Amino acid sequence: MSDLKTRFDTAAAEAMNLSEAPGNEVKLRMYGLFKQAGAGDVTGSRPGLTNIVGRAKYDAWAAVKGVSTEDAMQQYIDLVESLKSL
């Protein structure tokens, strides 16, 4: 797990320095996977209609509910790697 955690942390740092910014859908996918890897399943209530950004983030995190920490980390790493090759 420590090797996976190291690769996850490296991918998180690399995500901040991508040569091209990903679109909103990809950013939300990254956010959901990052939160799932770090905090587990989504908690709290879904933000209201007036909080569009908070609602989108909540939905992205909820979309990966049930994914294990290790799988979320690996999916995040794979996503960042695919973005680096663009």
PDB file of N, CA and C in Angstrom:
ATOM      1  N   MET A   1       0.830  -1.205   0.000  1.00  0.00           N
ATOM      2  CA  MET A   1       0.000   0.000   0.000  1.00  0.00           C
ATOM      3  C   MET A   1       0.863   1.253   0.000  1.00  0.00           C
ATOM      4  N   SER A   2       2.030   1.206   0.674  1.00  0.00           N
ATOM      5  CA  SER A   2       2.853   2.410   0.749  1.00  0.00           C
ATOM      6  C   SER A   2       3.365   2.817  -0.631  1.00  0.00           C
ATOM      7  N   ASP A   3       3.656   1.823  -1.501  1.00  0.00           N
ATOM      8  CA  ASP A   3       4.081   2.147  -2.860  1.00  0.00           C
ATOM      9  C   ASP A   3       2.934   2.814  -3.618  1.00  0.00           C
ATOM     10  N   LEU A   4       1.728   2.293  -3.440  1.00  0.00           N
ATOM     11  CA  LEU A   4       0.551   2.877  -4.084  1.00  0.00           C
ATOM     12  C   LEU A   4       0.314   4.295  -3.574  1.00  0.00           C
ATOM     13  N   LYS A   5       0.455   4.499  -2.283  1.00  0.00           N
ATOM     14  CA  LYS A   5       0.271   5.826  -1.684  1.00  0.00           C
ATOM     15  C   LYS A   5       1.311   6.802  -2.231  1.00  0.00           C
ATOM     16  N   THR A   6       2.532   6.345  -2.375  1.00  0.00           N
ATOM     17  CA  THR A   6       3.594   7.197  -2.928  1.00  0.00           C
ATOM     18  C   THR A   6       3.276   7.582  -4.365  1.00  0.00           C
ATOM     19  N   ARG A   7       2.834   6.609  -5.162  1.00  0.00           N
ATOM     20  CA  ARG A   7       2.483   6.900  -6.551  1.00  0.00           C
ATOM     21  C   ARG A   7       1.270   7.817  -6.632  1.00  0.00           C
ATOM     22  N   PHE A   8       0.319   7.633  -5.709  1.00  0.00           N
ATOM     23  CA  PHE A   8      -0.866   8.497  -5.647  1.00  0.00           C
ATOM     24  C   PHE A   8      -0.457   9.937  -5.320  1.00  0.00           C
ATOM     25  N   ASP A   9       0.400  10.108  -4.327  1.00  0.00           N
ATOM     26  CA  ASP A   9       0.868  11.441  -3.950  1.00  0.00           C
ATOM     27  C   ASP A   9       1.629  12.102  -5.099  1.00  0.00           C
ATOM     28  N   THR A  10       2.421  11.319  -5.807  1.00  0.00           N
ATOM     29  CA  THR A  10       3.151  11.846  -6.964  1.00  0.00           C
ATOM     30  C   THR A  10       2.176  12.282  -8.052  1.00  0.00           C
ATOM     31  N   ALA A  11       1.164  11.461  -8.306  1.00  0.00           N
ATOM     32  CA  ALA A  11       0.159  11.805  -9.323  1.00  0.00           C
ATOM     33  C   ALA A  11      -0.597  13.073  -8.939  1.00  0.00           C
ATOM     34  N   ALA A  12      -0.900  13.222  -7.648  1.00  0.00           N
ATOM     35  CA  ALA A  12      -1.613  14.423  -7.187  1.00  0.00           C
ATOM     36  C   ALA A  12      -0.763  15.668  -7.429  1.00  0.00           C
ATOM     37  N   ALA A  13       0.539  15.557  -7.190  1.00  0.00           N
ATOM     38  CA  ALA A  13       1.436  16.691  -7.437  1.00  0.00           C
ATOM     39  C   ALA A  13       1.543  16.971  -8.935  1.00  0.00           C
ATOM     40  N   GLU A  14       1.637  15.915  -9.727  1.00  0.00           N
ATOM     41  CA  GLU A  14       1.740  16.083 -11.176  1.00  0.00           C
ATOM     42  C   GLU A  14       0.459  16.669 -11.769  1.00  0.00           C
ATOM     43  N   ALA A  15      -0.675  16.375 -11.164  1.00  0.00           N
ATOM     44  CA  ALA A  15      -1.953  16.895 -11.660  1.00  0.00           C
ATOM     45  C   ALA A  15      -1.993  18.413 -11.606  1.00  0.00           C
ATOM     46  N   MET A  16      -1.251  18.990 -10.692  1.00  0.00           N
ATOM     47  CA  MET A  16      -1.220  20.445 -10.569  1.00  0.00           C
ATOM     48  C   MET A  16      -0.374  21.099 -11.657  1.00  0.00           C
ATOM     49  N   ASN A  17       0.446  20.306 -12.348  1.00  0.00           N
ATOM     50  CA  ASN A  17       1.361  20.854 -13.345  1.00  0.00           C
ATOM     51  C   ASN A  17       1.156  20.264 -14.733  1.00  0.00           C
ATOM     52  N   LEU A  18      -0.072  19.888 -15.063  1.00  0.00           N
ATOM     53  CA  LEU A  18      -0.347  19.349 -16.389  1.00  0.00           C
ATOM     54  C   LEU A  18      -0.129  20.428 -17.437  1.00  0.00           C
ATOM     55  N   SER A  19       0.379  20.018 -18.591  1.00  0.00           N
ATOM     56  CA  SER A  19       0.652  20.998 -19.644  1.00  0.00           C
ATOM     57  C   SER A  19      -0.626  21.619 -20.191  1.00  0.00           C
ATOM     58  N   GLU A  20      -1.713  20.867 -20.125  1.00  0.00           N
ATOM     59  CA  GLU A  20      -3.005  21.377 -20.603  1.00  0.00           C
ATOM     60  C   GLU A  20      -4.063  21.090 -19.546  1.00  0.00           C
ATOM     61  N   ALA A  21      -4.823  22.110 -19.197  1.00  0.00           N
ATOM     62  CA  ALA A  21      -5.860  21.944 -18.169  1.00  0.00           C
ATOM     63  C   ALA A  21      -6.976  21.036 -18.698  1.00  0.00           C
ATOM     64  N   PRO A  22      -7.358  20.030 -17.901  1.00  0.00           N
ATOM     65  CA  PRO A  22      -8.458  19.163 -18.336  1.00  0.00           C
ATOM     66  C   PRO A  22      -9.795  19.897 -18.251  1.00  0.00           C
ATOM     67  N   GLY A  23     -10.783  19.366 -18.927  1.00  0.00           N
ATOM     68  CA  GLY A  23     -12.121  19.952 -18.892  1.00  0.00           C
ATOM     69  C   GLY A  23     -12.778  19.723 -17.539  1.00  0.00           C
ATOM     70  N   ASN A  24     -13.922  20.364 -17.337  1.00  0.00           N
ATOM     71  CA  ASN A  24     -14.625  20.275 -16.061  1.00  0.00           C
ATOM     72  C   ASN A  24     -15.028  18.856 -15.691  1.00  0.00           C
ATOM     73  N   GLU A  25     -15.466  18.060 -16.665  1.00  0.00           N
ATOM     74  CA  GLU A  25     -15.875  16.682 -16.372  1.00  0.00           C
ATOM     75  C   GLU A  25     -14.704  15.872 -15.837  1.00  0.00           C
ATOM     76  N   VAL A  26     -13.540  16.054 -16.440  1.00  0.00           N
ATOM     77  CA  VAL A  26     -12.353  15.325 -16.001  1.00  0.00           C
ATOM     78  C   VAL A  26     -11.917  15.826 -14.631  1.00  0.00           C
ATOM     79  N   LYS A  27     -11.973  17.127 -14.433  1.00  0.00           N
ATOM     80  CA  LYS A  27     -11.620  17.681 -13.115  1.00  0.00           C
ATOM     81  C   LYS A  27     -12.535  17.118 -12.030  1.00  0.00           C
ATOM     82  N   LEU A  28     -13.819  17.010 -12.334  1.00  0.00           N
ATOM     83  CA  LEU A  28     -14.764  16.462 -11.354  1.00  0.00           C
ATOM     84  C   LEU A  28     -14.481  14.987 -11.096  1.00  0.00           C
ATOM     85  N   ARG A  29     -14.130  14.241 -12.121  1.00  0.00           N
ATOM     86  CA  ARG A  29     -13.770  12.828 -11.947  1.00  0.00           C
ATOM     87  C   ARG A  29     -12.540  12.720 -11.045  1.00  0.00           C
ATOM     88  N   MET A  30     -11.552  13.572 -11.296  1.00  0.00           N
ATOM     89  CA  MET A  30     -10.343  13.582 -10.473  1.00  0.00           C
ATOM     90  C   MET A  30     -10.694  13.917  -9.024  1.00  0.00           C
ATOM     91  N   TYR A  31     -11.541  14.898  -8.846  1.00  0.00           N
ATOM     92  CA  TYR A  31     -11.950  15.301  -7.501  1.00  0.00           C
ATOM     93  C   TYR A  31     -12.624  14.140  -6.774  1.00  0.00           C
ATOM     94  N   GLY A  32     -13.566  13.491  -7.434  1.00  0.00           N
ATOM     95  CA  GLY A  32     -14.283  12.386  -6.810  1.00  0.00           C
ATOM     96  C   GLY A  32     -13.352  11.256  -6.405  1.00  0.00           C
ATOM     97  N   LEU A  33     -12.435  10.898  -7.291  1.00  0.00           N
ATOM     98  CA  LEU A  33     -11.487   9.834  -6.982  1.00  0.00           C
ATOM     99  C   LEU A  33     -10.545  10.237  -5.848  1.00  0.00           C
ATOM    100  N   PHE A  34     -10.105  11.492  -5.868  1.00  0.00           N
ATOM    101  CA  PHE A  34      -9.206  11.974  -4.822  1.00  0.00           C
ATOM    102  C   PHE A  34      -9.888  11.918  -3.457  1.00  0.00           C
ATOM    103  N   LYS A  35     -11.123  12.389  -3.404  1.00  0.00           N
ATOM    104  CA  LYS A  35     -11.869  12.365  -2.139  1.00  0.00           C
ATOM    105  C   LYS A  35     -12.141  10.931  -1.682  1.00  0.00           C
ATOM    106  N   GLN A  36     -12.503  10.068  -2.622  1.00  0.00           N
ATOM    107  CA  GLN A  36     -12.781   8.676  -2.276  1.00  0.00           C
ATOM    108  C   GLN A  36     -11.527   8.005  -1.734  1.00  0.00           C
ATOM    109  N   ALA A  37     -10.385   8.303  -2.336  1.00  0.00           N
ATOM    110  CA  ALA A  37      -9.122   7.712  -1.880  1.00  0.00           C
ATOM    111  C   ALA A  37      -8.739   8.221  -0.497  1.00  0.00           C
ATOM    112  N   GLY A  38      -9.045   9.475  -0.221  1.00  0.00           N
ATOM    113  CA  GLY A  38      -8.627  10.067   1.045  1.00  0.00           C
ATOM    114  C   GLY A  38      -9.621   9.963   2.182  1.00  0.00           C
ATOM    115  N   ALA A  39     -10.908  10.019   1.863  1.00  0.00           N
ATOM    116  CA  ALA A  39     -11.924  10.086   2.919  1.00  0.00           C
ATOM    117  C   ALA A  39     -12.948   8.956   2.870  1.00  0.00           C
ATOM    118  N   GLY A  40     -12.913   8.138   1.832  1.00  0.00           N
ATOM    119  CA  GLY A  40     -13.893   7.070   1.720  1.00  0.00           C
ATOM    120  C   GLY A  40     -15.193   7.579   1.123  1.00  0.00           C
ATOM    121  N   ASP A  41     -16.271   6.840   1.383  1.00  0.00           N
ATOM    122  CA  ASP A  41     -17.561   7.184   0.794  1.00  0.00           C
ATOM    123  C   ASP A  41     -18.037   8.578   1.184  1.00  0.00           C
ATOM    124  N   VAL A  42     -18.773   9.179   0.264  1.00  0.00           N
ATOM    125  CA  VAL A  42     -19.313  10.522   0.440  1.00  0.00           C
ATOM    126  C   VAL A  42     -20.127  10.617   1.733  1.00  0.00           C
ATOM    127  N   THR A  43     -20.013  11.751   2.387  1.00  0.00           N
ATOM    128  CA  THR A  43     -20.748  11.993   3.631  1.00  0.00           C
ATOM    129  C   THR A  43     -21.496  13.315   3.525  1.00  0.00           C
ATOM    130  N   GLY A  44     -22.409  13.527   4.443  1.00  0.00           N
ATOM    131  CA  GLY A  44     -23.148  14.778   4.470  1.00  0.00           C
ATOM    132  C   GLY A  44     -24.284  14.776   3.477  1.00  0.00           C
ATOM    133  N   SER A  45     -24.971  15.889   3.444  1.00  0.00           N
ATOM    134  CA  SER A  45     -26.103  15.999   2.531  1.00  0.00           C
ATOM    135  C   SER A  45     -25.682  16.754   1.273  1.00  0.00           C
ATOM    136  N   ARG A  46     -26.389  16.500   0.206  1.00  0.00           N
ATOM    137  CA  ARG A  46     -26.106  17.137  -1.076  1.00  0.00           C
ATOM    138  C   ARG A  46     -26.425  18.625  -0.977  1.00  0.00           C
ATOM    139  N   PRO A  47     -25.504  19.493  -1.431  1.00  0.00           N
ATOM    140  CA  PRO A  47     -25.756  20.936  -1.387  1.00  0.00           C
ATOM    141  C   PRO A  47     -26.983  21.316  -2.199  1.00  0.00           C
ATOM    142  N   GLY A  48     -27.571  22.431  -1.858  1.00  0.00           N
ATOM    143  CA  GLY A  48     -28.775  22.909  -2.514  1.00  0.00           C
ATOM    144  C   GLY A  48     -28.536  23.392  -3.930  1.00  0.00           C
ATOM    145  N   LEU A  49     -29.624  23.706  -4.604  1.00  0.00           N
ATOM    146  CA  LEU A  49     -29.573  24.125  -6.003  1.00  0.00           C
ATOM    147  C   LEU A  49     -28.760  25.394  -6.236  1.00  0.00           C
ATOM    148  N   THR A  50     -28.672  26.242  -5.243  1.00  0.00           N
ATOM    149  CA  THR A  50     -27.943  27.496  -5.428  1.00  0.00           C
ATOM    150  C   THR A  50     -26.437  27.320  -5.316  1.00  0.00           C
ATOM    151  N   ASN A  51     -25.985  26.188  -4.796  1.00  0.00           N
ATOM    152  CA  ASN A  51     -24.557  25.904  -4.677  1.00  0.00           C
ATOM    153  C   ASN A  51     -24.156  24.945  -5.794  1.00  0.00           C
ATOM    154  N   ILE A  52     -24.025  25.473  -6.986  1.00  0.00           N
ATOM    155  CA  ILE A  52     -23.787  24.656  -8.182  1.00  0.00           C
ATOM    156  C   ILE A  52     -22.455  23.911  -8.103  1.00  0.00           C
ATOM    157  N   VAL A  53     -21.399  24.594  -7.693  1.00  0.00           N
ATOM    158  CA  VAL A  53     -20.081  23.973  -7.618  1.00  0.00           C
ATOM    159  C   VAL A  53     -20.059  22.892  -6.540  1.00  0.00           C
ATOM    160  N   GLY A  54     -20.573  23.199  -5.376  1.00  0.00           N
ATOM    161  CA  GLY A  54     -20.619  22.229  -4.296  1.00  0.00           C
ATOM    162  C   GLY A  54     -21.440  21.006  -4.660  1.00  0.00           C
ATOM    163  N   ARG A  55     -22.515  21.235  -5.369  1.00  0.00           N
ATOM    164  CA  ARG A  55     -23.387  20.140  -5.803  1.00  0.00           C
ATOM    165  C   ARG A  55     -22.669  19.249  -6.808  1.00  0.00           C
ATOM    166  N   ALA A  56     -21.943  19.853  -7.754  1.00  0.00           N
ATOM    167  CA  ALA A  56     -21.204  19.079  -8.754  1.00  0.00           C
ATOM    168  C   ALA A  56     -20.106  18.252  -8.097  1.00  0.00           C
ATOM    169  N   LYS A  57     -19.415  18.842  -7.130  1.00  0.00           N
ATOM    170  CA  LYS A  57     -18.365  18.113  -6.419  1.00  0.00           C
ATOM    171  C   LYS A  57     -18.956  16.954  -5.622  1.00  0.00           C
ATOM    172  N   TYR A  58     -20.054  17.205  -4.954  1.00  0.00           N
ATOM    173  CA  TYR A  58     -20.723  16.157  -4.180  1.00  0.00           C
ATOM    174  C   TYR A  58     -21.129  15.001  -5.105  1.00  0.00           C
ATOM    175  N   ASP A  59     -21.717  15.343  -6.243  1.00  0.00           N
ATOM    176  CA  ASP A  59     -22.156  14.320  -7.193  1.00  0.00           C
ATOM    177  C   ASP A  59     -20.980  13.518  -7.738  1.00  0.00           C
ATOM    178  N   ALA A  60     -19.855  14.185  -7.997  1.00  0.00           N
ATOM    179  CA  ALA A  60     -18.664  13.493  -8.501  1.00  0.00           C
ATOM    180  C   ALA A  60     -18.135  12.512  -7.461  1.00  0.00           C
ATOM    181  N   TRP A  61     -18.146  12.912  -6.205  1.00  0.00           N
ATOM    182  CA  TRP A  61     -17.690  12.037  -5.129  1.00  0.00           C
ATOM    183  C   TRP A  61     -18.679  10.888  -4.939  1.00  0.00           C
ATOM    184  N   ALA A  62     -19.971  11.190  -4.988  1.00  0.00           N
ATOM    185  CA  ALA A  62     -21.002  10.163  -4.819  1.00  0.00           C
ATOM    186  C   ALA A  62     -20.953   9.136  -5.952  1.00  0.00           C
ATOM    187  N   ALA A  63     -20.494   9.541  -7.120  1.00  0.00           N
ATOM    188  CA  ALA A  63     -20.427   8.643  -8.273  1.00  0.00           C
ATOM    189  C   ALA A  63     -19.440   7.502  -8.064  1.00  0.00           C
ATOM    190  N   VAL A  64     -18.487   7.673  -7.170  1.00  0.00           N
ATOM    191  CA  VAL A  64     -17.495   6.622  -6.913  1.00  0.00           C
ATOM    192  C   VAL A  64     -17.702   5.968  -5.548  1.00  0.00           C
ATOM    193  N   LYS A  65     -18.888   6.156  -4.981  1.00  0.00           N
ATOM    194  CA  LYS A  65     -19.217   5.548  -3.695  1.00  0.00           C
ATOM    195  C   LYS A  65     -19.050   4.032  -3.786  1.00  0.00           C
ATOM    196  N   GLY A  66     -18.413   3.457  -2.788  1.00  0.00           N
ATOM    197  CA  GLY A  66     -18.215   2.023  -2.752  1.00  0.00           C
ATOM    198  C   GLY A  66     -16.891   1.555  -3.336  1.00  0.00           C
ATOM    199  N   VAL A  67     -16.194   2.431  -4.034  1.00  0.00           N
ATOM    200  CA  VAL A  67     -14.885   2.084  -4.584  1.00  0.00           C
ATOM    201  C   VAL A  67     -13.885   2.059  -3.429  1.00  0.00           C
ATOM    202  N   SER A  68     -13.067   1.021  -3.378  1.00  0.00           N
ATOM    203  CA  SER A  68     -12.100   0.914  -2.286  1.00  0.00           C
ATOM    204  C   SER A  68     -11.042   2.015  -2.395  1.00  0.00           C
ATOM    205  N   THR A  69     -10.384   2.271  -1.297  1.00  0.00           N
ATOM    206  CA  THR A  69      -9.316   3.278  -1.271  1.00  0.00           C
ATOM    207  C   THR A  69      -8.246   2.951  -2.305  1.00  0.00           C
ATOM    208  N   GLU A  70      -7.836   1.700  -2.342  1.00  0.00           N
ATOM    209  CA  GLU A  70      -6.780   1.292  -3.271  1.00  0.00           C
ATOM    210  C   GLU A  70      -7.219   1.456  -4.727  1.00  0.00           C
ATOM    211  N   ASP A  71      -8.452   1.064  -5.030  1.00  0.00           N
ATOM    212  CA  ASP A  71      -8.953   1.206  -6.402  1.00  0.00           C
ATOM    213  C   ASP A  71      -9.089   2.676  -6.787  1.00  0.00           C
ATOM    214  N   ALA A  72      -9.551   3.508  -5.864  1.00  0.00           N
ATOM    215  CA  ALA A  72      -9.673   4.942  -6.153  1.00  0.00           C
ATOM    216  C   ALA A  72      -8.306   5.555  -6.416  1.00  0.00           C
ATOM    217  N   MET A  73      -7.316   5.157  -5.622  1.00  0.00           N
ATOM    218  CA  MET A  73      -5.954   5.657  -5.837  1.00  0.00           C
ATOM    219  C   MET A  73      -5.444   5.242  -7.212  1.00  0.00           C
ATOM    220  N   GLN A  74      -5.632   3.971  -7.556  1.00  0.00           N
ATOM    221  CA  GLN A  74      -5.136   3.474  -8.843  1.00  0.00           C
ATOM    222  C   GLN A  74      -5.858   4.143 -10.009  1.00  0.00           C
ATOM    223  N   GLN A  75      -7.155   4.328  -9.905  1.00  0.00           N
ATOM    224  CA  GLN A  75      -7.902   5.008 -10.966  1.00  0.00           C
ATOM    225  C   GLN A  75      -7.440   6.449 -11.125  1.00  0.00           C
ATOM    226  N   TYR A  76      -7.155   7.116 -10.001  1.00  0.00           N
ATOM    227  CA  TYR A  76      -6.662   8.495 -10.039  1.00  0.00           C
ATOM    228  C   TYR A  76      -5.299   8.532 -10.733  1.00  0.00           C
ATOM    229  N   ILE A  77      -4.415   7.625 -10.355  1.00  0.00           N
ATOM    230  CA  ILE A  77      -3.079   7.555 -10.961  1.00  0.00           C
ATOM    231  C   ILE A  77      -3.214   7.336 -12.464  1.00  0.00           C
ATOM    232  N   ASP A  78      -4.051   6.383 -12.862  1.00  0.00           N
ATOM    233  CA  ASP A  78      -4.243   6.090 -14.287  1.00  0.00           C
ATOM    234  C   ASP A  78      -4.805   7.289 -15.034  1.00  0.00           C
ATOM    235  N   LEU A  79      -5.720   8.008 -14.428  1.00  0.00           N
ATOM    236  CA  LEU A  79      -6.304   9.182 -15.067  1.00  0.00           C
ATOM    237  C   LEU A  79      -5.258  10.267 -15.272  1.00  0.00           C
ATOM    238  N   VAL A  80      -4.471  10.534 -14.259  1.00  0.00           N
ATOM    239  CA  VAL A  80      -3.420  11.556 -14.371  1.00  0.00           C
ATOM    240  C   VAL A  80      -2.394  11.139 -15.431  1.00  0.00           C
ATOM    241  N   GLU A  81      -2.022   9.860 -15.448  1.00  0.00           N
ATOM    242  CA  GLU A  81      -1.078   9.383 -16.452  1.00  0.00           C
ATOM    243  C   GLU A  81      -1.622   9.580 -17.866  1.00  0.00           C
ATOM    244  N   SER A  82      -2.920   9.320 -18.055  1.00  0.00           N
ATOM    245  CA  SER A  82      -3.518   9.502 -19.372  1.00  0.00           C
ATOM    246  C   SER A  82      -3.534  10.982 -19.771  1.00  0.00           C
ATOM    247  N   LEU A  83      -3.692  11.855 -18.806  1.00  0.00           N
ATOM    248  CA  LEU A  83      -3.699  13.296 -19.080  1.00  0.00           C
ATOM    249  C   LEU A  83      -2.297  13.809 -19.402  1.00  0.00           C
ATOM    250  N   LYS A  84      -1.291  13.206 -18.804  1.00  0.00           N
ATOM    251  CA  LYS A  84       0.091  13.622 -19.065  1.00  0.00           C
ATOM    252  C   LYS A  84       0.504  13.310 -20.491  1.00  0.00           C
ATOM    253  N   SER A  85      -0.084  12.286 -21.076  1.00  0.00           N
ATOM    254  CA  SER A  85       0.312  11.876 -22.419  1.00  0.00           C
ATOM    255  C   SER A  85      -0.411  12.669 -23.510  1.00  0.00           C
ATOM    256  N   LEU A  86      -1.293  13.555 -23.123  1.00  0.00           N
ATOM    257  CA  LEU A  86      -2.008  14.362 -24.138  1.00  0.00           C
ATOM    258  C   LEU A  86      -1.156  15.482 -24.653  1.00  0.00           C
TER     259      LEU A  86
END
